[in-house]
Amino acid sequence: MAQRSPQELLSELRTYLMHFEQTGHLGETSTVAEIKRRLQERIGEVEAALGSDSPRKMPVSAPPTTEELRSGVAS
């Protein structure tokens, strides 16, 4: 499995966030709010790593599954 670049990860996270912001039929409002909060937090982490002057590598993780997003365990 090929690893994604931080830019690809950032694009993916933003796509997930846009989906949750535009979809009103996903269920419990507090769950959706938590998923959006976690996506925003992760986007901030990736943006900070991309803007960092240090040469550290971004940890690459698999995108959250639909079930993880629904259950709120994706981070």
Protein backbone atom coordinates (compact mmCIF):
# COMPACT_ATOMS: atom_id res chain seq x y z
CA MET A 1 0.00 0.00 0.00
CA ALA A 2 1.42 3.35 -1.01
CA GLN A 3 1.72 6.07 1.60
CA ARG A 4 -0.04 9.35 1.03
CA SER A 5 1.76 12.63 1.07
CA PRO A 6 0.73 15.16 3.71
CA GLN A 7 -0.89 17.21 0.95
CA GLU A 8 -2.99 14.21 -0.12
CA LEU A 9 -3.97 13.55 3.50
CA LEU A 10 -4.96 17.19 3.95
CA SER A 11 -7.10 17.08 0.81
CA GLU A 12 -8.79 13.90 2.01
CA LEU A 13 -9.53 15.33 5.45
CA ARG A 14 -10.97 18.50 3.92
CA THR A 15 -13.15 16.36 1.62
CA TYR A 16 -14.49 14.43 4.63
CA LEU A 17 -15.18 17.67 6.49
CA MET A 18 -16.99 19.18 3.50
CA HIS A 19 -19.12 16.03 3.27
CA PHE A 20 -20.16 16.32 6.91
CA GLU A 21 -20.86 20.03 6.57
CA GLN A 22 -23.05 19.51 3.50
CA THR A 23 -24.92 16.37 4.57
CA GLY A 24 -27.79 16.84 6.95
CA HIS A 25 -29.08 13.27 7.12
CA LEU A 26 -26.24 11.60 9.01
CA GLY A 27 -27.98 11.16 12.30
CA GLU A 28 -27.40 12.51 15.78
CA THR A 29 -26.26 16.12 15.72
CA SER A 30 -23.78 15.73 18.59
CA THR A 31 -22.08 12.80 16.84
CA VAL A 32 -21.72 14.74 13.60
CA ALA A 33 -20.40 17.74 15.53
CA GLU A 34 -17.78 15.54 17.21
CA ILE A 35 -16.68 14.05 13.89
CA LYS A 36 -16.37 17.54 12.40
CA ARG A 37 -14.40 18.72 15.43
CA ARG A 38 -11.97 15.83 15.10
CA LEU A 39 -11.56 16.40 11.38
CA GLN A 40 -10.85 20.10 11.99
CA GLU A 41 -8.33 19.17 14.67
CA ARG A 42 -6.55 16.72 12.37
CA ILE A 43 -6.56 19.26 9.51
CA GLY A 44 -4.87 21.74 11.86
CA GLU A 45 -2.25 19.16 12.78
CA VAL A 46 -1.46 18.38 9.14
CA GLU A 47 -1.38 22.08 8.22
CA ALA A 48 0.98 22.76 11.12
CA ALA A 49 3.26 19.92 10.04
CA LEU A 50 3.28 21.19 6.47
CA GLY A 51 4.14 24.68 7.66
CA SER A 52 6.78 23.51 10.07
CA ASP A 53 10.41 24.34 9.38
CA SER A 54 11.55 21.12 11.00
CA PRO A 55 12.21 18.15 8.72
CA ARG A 56 10.07 15.72 10.72
CA LYS A 57 7.86 13.32 8.84
CA MET A 58 4.09 13.37 9.02
CA PRO A 59 2.62 10.18 10.45
CA VAL A 60 0.56 8.54 7.78
CA SER A 61 -2.61 6.84 8.83
CA ALA A 62 -5.40 5.21 6.92
CA PRO A 63 -8.48 7.32 6.38
CA PRO A 64 -11.25 6.60 8.85
CA THR A 65 -13.86 4.10 7.78
CA THR A 66 -17.48 5.13 7.50
CA GLU A 67 -18.21 3.15 10.66
CA GLU A 68 -15.42 4.92 12.55
CA LEU A 69 -16.74 8.28 11.38
CA ARG A 70 -20.25 7.39 12.48
CA SER A 71 -19.13 6.08 15.84
CA GLY A 72 -16.86 9.08 16.44
CA VAL A 73 -13.70 7.04 17.03
CA ALA A 74 -11.77 8.41 14.06
CA SER A 75 -9.11 10.88 15.07
